[in-house]
Amino acid sequence: MTNNYLPSKLNFTIANVNWQQGYLPLNLSTSWDNFPIDAKELAKHLGATIVSQEVGADLYHWTLDFEGTRLNLIYEDNSESCWLELHHSHEQEVLDFIATLIGNQT
């Protein structure tokens, strides 16, 4: 599904429209080396600010602030998985809204 909100070079889409509460899996066309660039672009186009960036052996764990809601943006290199997680599950409507920005309806 094409995305009218984000630039096509980012190529972020929702991986599964039946996501769990507080968790939004993303399809991401990136690599370990390119993730920081792509993640910054995603944050910019969502209007989110980057609060912190942590890097592990095979995991990027970034904290974003989206209109007062804290989110984790996580990329796992071995499985090439990327997802957004809420800090507080009671803010699910924010994640649902982000899903519409990325291009799919809940």
N, C-alpha and C. Protein backbone atom coordinates (compact mmCIF):
# COMPACT_ATOMS: atom_id res chain seq x y z
N MET A 1 0.84 -1.17 0.00
CA MET A 1 0.00 0.00 0.00
C MET A 1 0.89 1.24 0.00
N THR A 2 0.63 2.17 -0.89
CA THR A 2 1.44 3.37 -0.93
C THR A 2 1.05 4.30 0.20
N ASN A 3 1.94 5.15 0.54
CA ASN A 3 1.78 6.02 1.68
C ASN A 3 1.87 7.45 1.21
N ASN A 4 0.81 8.23 1.38
CA ASN A 4 0.81 9.61 0.93
C ASN A 4 1.40 10.56 1.95
N TYR A 5 1.60 10.14 3.18
CA TYR A 5 2.08 11.02 4.22
C TYR A 5 3.60 11.06 4.30
N LEU A 6 4.24 9.93 4.16
CA LEU A 6 5.69 9.86 4.27
C LEU A 6 6.33 9.83 2.90
N PRO A 7 7.51 10.39 2.74
CA PRO A 7 8.20 10.31 1.46
C PRO A 7 8.43 8.85 1.07
N SER A 8 8.34 8.58 -0.21
CA SER A 8 8.46 7.20 -0.68
C SER A 8 9.82 6.59 -0.37
N LYS A 9 10.86 7.39 -0.23
CA LYS A 9 12.18 6.84 0.05
C LYS A 9 12.26 6.14 1.41
N LEU A 10 11.35 6.50 2.34
CA LEU A 10 11.37 5.86 3.65
C LEU A 10 10.87 4.44 3.60
N ASN A 11 9.80 4.21 2.87
CA ASN A 11 9.24 2.87 2.70
C ASN A 11 8.93 2.19 4.03
N PHE A 12 8.23 2.89 4.91
CA PHE A 12 7.70 2.32 6.14
C PHE A 12 6.24 1.99 5.89
N THR A 13 5.83 0.78 6.19
CA THR A 13 4.42 0.40 6.15
C THR A 13 4.13 -0.45 7.38
N ILE A 14 2.87 -0.66 7.64
CA ILE A 14 2.48 -1.50 8.76
C ILE A 14 2.60 -2.95 8.33
N ALA A 15 3.22 -3.77 9.15
CA ALA A 15 3.46 -5.17 8.81
C ALA A 15 2.22 -6.02 9.00
N ASN A 16 1.37 -5.68 9.96
CA ASN A 16 0.22 -6.51 10.27
C ASN A 16 -0.87 -5.61 10.82
N VAL A 17 -2.01 -5.56 10.16
CA VAL A 17 -3.07 -4.67 10.62
C VAL A 17 -3.76 -5.18 11.88
N ASN A 18 -3.51 -6.40 12.29
CA ASN A 18 -4.08 -6.95 13.52
C ASN A 18 -3.04 -6.93 14.63
N TRP A 19 -2.44 -5.79 14.86
CA TRP A 19 -1.39 -5.70 15.86
C TRP A 19 -1.95 -5.79 17.28
N GLN A 20 -1.07 -6.08 18.19
CA GLN A 20 -1.42 -6.17 19.60
C GLN A 20 -1.62 -4.78 20.19
N GLN A 21 -2.30 -4.75 21.30
CA GLN A 21 -2.45 -3.50 22.04
C GLN A 21 -1.07 -2.98 22.43
N GLY A 22 -0.78 -1.74 22.07
CA GLY A 22 0.47 -1.11 22.48
C GLY A 22 1.68 -1.42 21.62
N TYR A 23 1.47 -2.11 20.51
CA TYR A 23 2.57 -2.59 19.67
C TYR A 23 2.18 -2.47 18.21
N LEU A 24 3.03 -1.84 17.40
CA LEU A 24 2.74 -1.66 15.98
C LEU A 24 3.92 -2.13 15.15
N PRO A 25 3.86 -3.35 14.59
CA PRO A 25 4.97 -3.83 13.76
C PRO A 25 5.02 -3.09 12.43
N LEU A 26 6.22 -2.80 11.97
CA LEU A 26 6.42 -2.06 10.74
C LEU A 26 7.24 -2.86 9.74
N ASN A 27 6.89 -2.76 8.47
CA ASN A 27 7.78 -3.22 7.41
C ASN A 27 8.74 -2.08 7.16
N LEU A 28 9.99 -2.37 7.08
CA LEU A 28 10.99 -1.32 6.95
C LEU A 28 12.04 -1.74 5.95
N SER A 29 12.20 -0.94 4.92
CA SER A 29 13.25 -1.19 3.93
C SER A 29 14.49 -0.42 4.37
N THR A 30 15.31 -1.05 5.19
CA THR A 30 16.52 -0.39 5.68
C THR A 30 17.55 -1.46 6.03
N SER A 31 18.64 -1.01 6.56
CA SER A 31 19.69 -1.91 7.03
C SER A 31 20.18 -1.38 8.37
N TRP A 32 21.01 -2.14 9.03
CA TRP A 32 21.59 -1.70 10.30
C TRP A 32 22.26 -0.34 10.16
N ASP A 33 23.03 -0.17 9.09
CA ASP A 33 23.76 1.08 8.88
C ASP A 33 22.84 2.25 8.54
N ASN A 34 21.73 1.98 7.85
CA ASN A 34 20.84 3.06 7.41
C ASN A 34 19.72 3.37 8.38
N PHE A 35 19.50 2.52 9.37
CA PHE A 35 18.38 2.74 10.28
C PHE A 35 18.38 4.12 10.92
N PRO A 36 19.49 4.63 11.44
CA PRO A 36 19.44 5.95 12.08
C PRO A 36 18.93 7.04 11.14
N ILE A 37 19.33 7.00 9.90
CA ILE A 37 18.88 8.00 8.93
C ILE A 37 17.37 7.85 8.69
N ASP A 38 16.93 6.61 8.44
CA ASP A 38 15.52 6.36 8.17
C ASP A 38 14.65 6.66 9.39
N ALA A 39 15.13 6.33 10.58
CA ALA A 39 14.37 6.59 11.80
C ALA A 39 14.22 8.09 12.05
N LYS A 40 15.27 8.85 11.78
CA LYS A 40 15.18 10.31 11.93
C LYS A 40 14.17 10.89 10.96
N GLU A 41 14.15 10.38 9.74
CA GLU A 41 13.17 10.84 8.74
C GLU A 41 11.76 10.48 9.17
N LEU A 42 11.56 9.26 9.67
CA LEU A 42 10.23 8.87 10.14
C LEU A 42 9.78 9.78 11.27
N ALA A 43 10.65 10.01 12.24
CA ALA A 43 10.30 10.89 13.36
C ALA A 43 9.94 12.29 12.86
N LYS A 44 10.72 12.79 11.95
CA LYS A 44 10.48 14.13 11.40
C LYS A 44 9.12 14.21 10.73
N HIS A 45 8.79 13.24 9.92
CA HIS A 45 7.54 13.28 9.17
C HIS A 45 6.32 12.95 10.02
N LEU A 46 6.53 12.30 11.15
CA LEU A 46 5.43 12.09 12.09
C LEU A 46 5.26 13.30 13.00
N GLY A 47 6.25 14.17 13.01
CA GLY A 47 6.22 15.30 13.92
C GLY A 47 6.62 14.91 15.33
N ALA A 48 7.38 13.84 15.46
CA ALA A 48 7.85 13.35 16.75
C ALA A 48 9.26 13.87 17.01
N THR A 49 9.60 13.97 18.28
CA THR A 49 10.97 14.33 18.63
C THR A 49 11.68 13.11 19.19
N ILE A 50 12.96 13.04 18.95
CA ILE A 50 13.78 11.94 19.45
C ILE A 50 14.26 12.32 20.85
N VAL A 51 13.88 11.52 21.83
CA VAL A 51 14.23 11.78 23.22
C VAL A 51 15.56 11.11 23.57
N SER A 52 15.72 9.85 23.13
CA SER A 52 16.96 9.14 23.40
C SER A 52 17.20 8.10 22.32
N GLN A 53 18.47 7.71 22.19
CA GLN A 53 18.89 6.69 21.22
C GLN A 53 19.84 5.74 21.92
N GLU A 54 19.47 4.47 21.95
CA GLU A 54 20.34 3.45 22.53
C GLU A 54 20.65 2.42 21.46
N VAL A 55 21.88 1.93 21.49
CA VAL A 55 22.31 0.92 20.52
C VAL A 55 22.90 -0.24 21.29
N GLY A 56 22.41 -1.44 20.99
CA GLY A 56 22.96 -2.67 21.57
C GLY A 56 23.69 -3.45 20.50
N ALA A 57 24.02 -4.67 20.80
CA ALA A 57 24.76 -5.51 19.85
C ALA A 57 24.01 -5.70 18.55
N ASP A 58 22.70 -5.88 18.61
CA ASP A 58 21.91 -6.06 17.39
C ASP A 58 20.57 -5.35 17.48
N LEU A 59 20.48 -4.30 18.30
CA LEU A 59 19.21 -3.65 18.56
C LEU A 59 19.37 -2.14 18.67
N TYR A 60 18.54 -1.43 17.92
CA TYR A 60 18.38 0.01 18.13
C TYR A 60 17.13 0.18 18.97
N HIS A 61 17.20 1.01 20.00
CA HIS A 61 16.05 1.30 20.85
C HIS A 61 16.01 2.81 21.05
N TRP A 62 15.10 3.44 20.33
CA TRP A 62 14.96 4.89 20.41
C TRP A 62 13.67 5.22 21.12
N THR A 63 13.70 6.26 21.91
CA THR A 63 12.48 6.79 22.54
C THR A 63 12.09 8.05 21.80
N LEU A 64 10.82 8.08 21.38
CA LEU A 64 10.26 9.23 20.67
C LEU A 64 9.17 9.86 21.51
N ASP A 65 8.96 11.15 21.32
CA ASP A 65 7.83 11.84 21.91
C ASP A 65 6.93 12.29 20.77
N PHE A 66 5.71 11.79 20.76
CA PHE A 66 4.73 12.16 19.75
C PHE A 66 3.57 12.84 20.46
N GLU A 67 3.52 14.15 20.37
CA GLU A 67 2.45 14.95 20.96
C GLU A 67 2.21 14.60 22.44
N GLY A 68 3.31 14.43 23.18
CA GLY A 68 3.23 14.15 24.61
C GLY A 68 3.17 12.68 24.98
N THR A 69 3.13 11.80 23.99
CA THR A 69 3.11 10.36 24.23
C THR A 69 4.48 9.79 23.93
N ARG A 70 5.02 9.01 24.86
CA ARG A 70 6.32 8.37 24.67
C ARG A 70 6.14 7.04 23.94
N LEU A 71 6.98 6.85 22.93
CA LEU A 71 6.98 5.64 22.13
C LEU A 71 8.39 5.09 22.04
N ASN A 72 8.51 3.79 21.95
CA ASN A 72 9.79 3.16 21.63
C ASN A 72 9.76 2.80 20.16
N LEU A 73 10.79 3.18 19.45
CA LEU A 73 11.01 2.74 18.07
C LEU A 73 12.16 1.76 18.14
N ILE A 74 11.90 0.51 17.78
CA ILE A 74 12.89 -0.54 17.96
C ILE A 74 13.17 -1.22 16.62
N TYR A 75 14.45 -1.45 16.35
CA TYR A 75 14.88 -2.18 15.17
C TYR A 75 15.82 -3.29 15.63
N GLU A 76 15.48 -4.52 15.27
CA GLU A 76 16.28 -5.68 15.64
C GLU A 76 16.96 -6.20 14.38
N ASP A 77 18.28 -6.19 14.36
CA ASP A 77 19.04 -6.49 13.16
C ASP A 77 18.94 -7.94 12.72
N ASN A 78 19.06 -8.88 13.63
CA ASN A 78 19.07 -10.30 13.23
C ASN A 78 17.81 -10.71 12.50
N SER A 79 16.66 -10.25 12.96
CA SER A 79 15.39 -10.59 12.30
C SER A 79 14.94 -9.52 11.32
N GLU A 80 15.67 -8.41 11.26
CA GLU A 80 15.31 -7.25 10.46
C GLU A 80 13.89 -6.80 10.77
N SER A 81 13.55 -6.78 12.07
CA SER A 81 12.23 -6.40 12.55
C SER A 81 12.26 -4.97 13.08
N CYS A 82 11.16 -4.27 12.85
CA CYS A 82 11.02 -2.91 13.37
C CYS A 82 9.61 -2.75 13.91
N TRP A 83 9.49 -2.04 15.05
CA TRP A 83 8.16 -1.82 15.60
C TRP A 83 8.16 -0.59 16.48
N LEU A 84 6.95 -0.09 16.69
CA LEU A 84 6.70 0.98 17.65
C LEU A 84 5.97 0.37 18.84
N GLU A 85 6.35 0.79 20.03
CA GLU A 85 5.69 0.36 21.26
C GLU A 85 5.32 1.58 22.08
N LEU A 86 4.19 1.52 22.73
CA LEU A 86 3.80 2.57 23.67
C LEU A 86 4.50 2.37 25.00
N HIS A 87 4.84 3.46 25.66
CA HIS A 87 5.32 3.36 27.04
C HIS A 87 4.16 3.00 27.96
N HIS A 88 2.96 3.51 27.65
CA HIS A 88 1.77 3.28 28.47
C HIS A 88 0.64 2.76 27.58
N SER A 89 0.18 1.54 27.82
CA SER A 89 -0.81 0.91 26.95
C SER A 89 -2.14 1.65 26.91
N HIS A 90 -2.43 2.48 27.90
CA HIS A 90 -3.70 3.21 27.89
C HIS A 90 -3.73 4.31 26.81
N GLU A 91 -2.62 4.53 26.10
CA GLU A 91 -2.56 5.54 25.05
C GLU A 91 -2.68 4.92 23.65
N GLN A 92 -3.41 3.82 23.54
CA GLN A 92 -3.54 3.09 22.29
C GLN A 92 -4.04 3.97 21.14
N GLU A 93 -4.91 4.93 21.44
CA GLU A 93 -5.46 5.78 20.37
C GLU A 93 -4.35 6.55 19.65
N VAL A 94 -3.27 6.85 20.33
CA VAL A 94 -2.14 7.53 19.69
C VAL A 94 -1.48 6.61 18.67
N LEU A 95 -1.27 5.36 19.05
CA LEU A 95 -0.69 4.39 18.13
C LEU A 95 -1.62 4.13 16.94
N ASP A 96 -2.92 4.10 17.19
CA ASP A 96 -3.89 3.94 16.11
C ASP A 96 -3.81 5.13 15.13
N PHE A 97 -3.65 6.33 15.68
CA PHE A 97 -3.52 7.52 14.84
C PHE A 97 -2.24 7.46 14.01
N ILE A 98 -1.15 7.06 14.62
CA ILE A 98 0.11 6.92 13.89
C ILE A 98 -0.04 5.92 12.76
N ALA A 99 -0.78 4.83 13.00
CA ALA A 99 -1.02 3.84 11.96
C ALA A 99 -1.71 4.49 10.75
N THR A 100 -2.63 5.40 10.99
CA THR A 100 -3.30 6.06 9.86
C THR A 100 -2.32 6.98 9.14
N LEU A 101 -1.40 7.61 9.88
CA LEU A 101 -0.40 8.46 9.23
C LEU A 101 0.53 7.66 8.35
N ILE A 102 0.87 6.45 8.79
CA ILE A 102 1.78 5.61 8.04
C ILE A 102 1.08 5.04 6.81
N GLY A 103 -0.22 4.89 6.86
CA GLY A 103 -0.90 4.50 5.63
C GLY A 103 -1.96 3.45 5.72
N ASN A 104 -2.20 2.83 6.88
CA ASN A 104 -3.24 1.83 7.03
C ASN A 104 -4.25 2.29 8.06
N GLN A 105 -5.46 1.87 7.92
CA GLN A 105 -6.50 2.15 8.91
C GLN A 105 -6.55 1.02 9.91
N THR A 106 -6.90 1.30 11.14
CA THR A 106 -7.04 0.26 12.15
C THR A 106 -8.35 -0.47 11.99
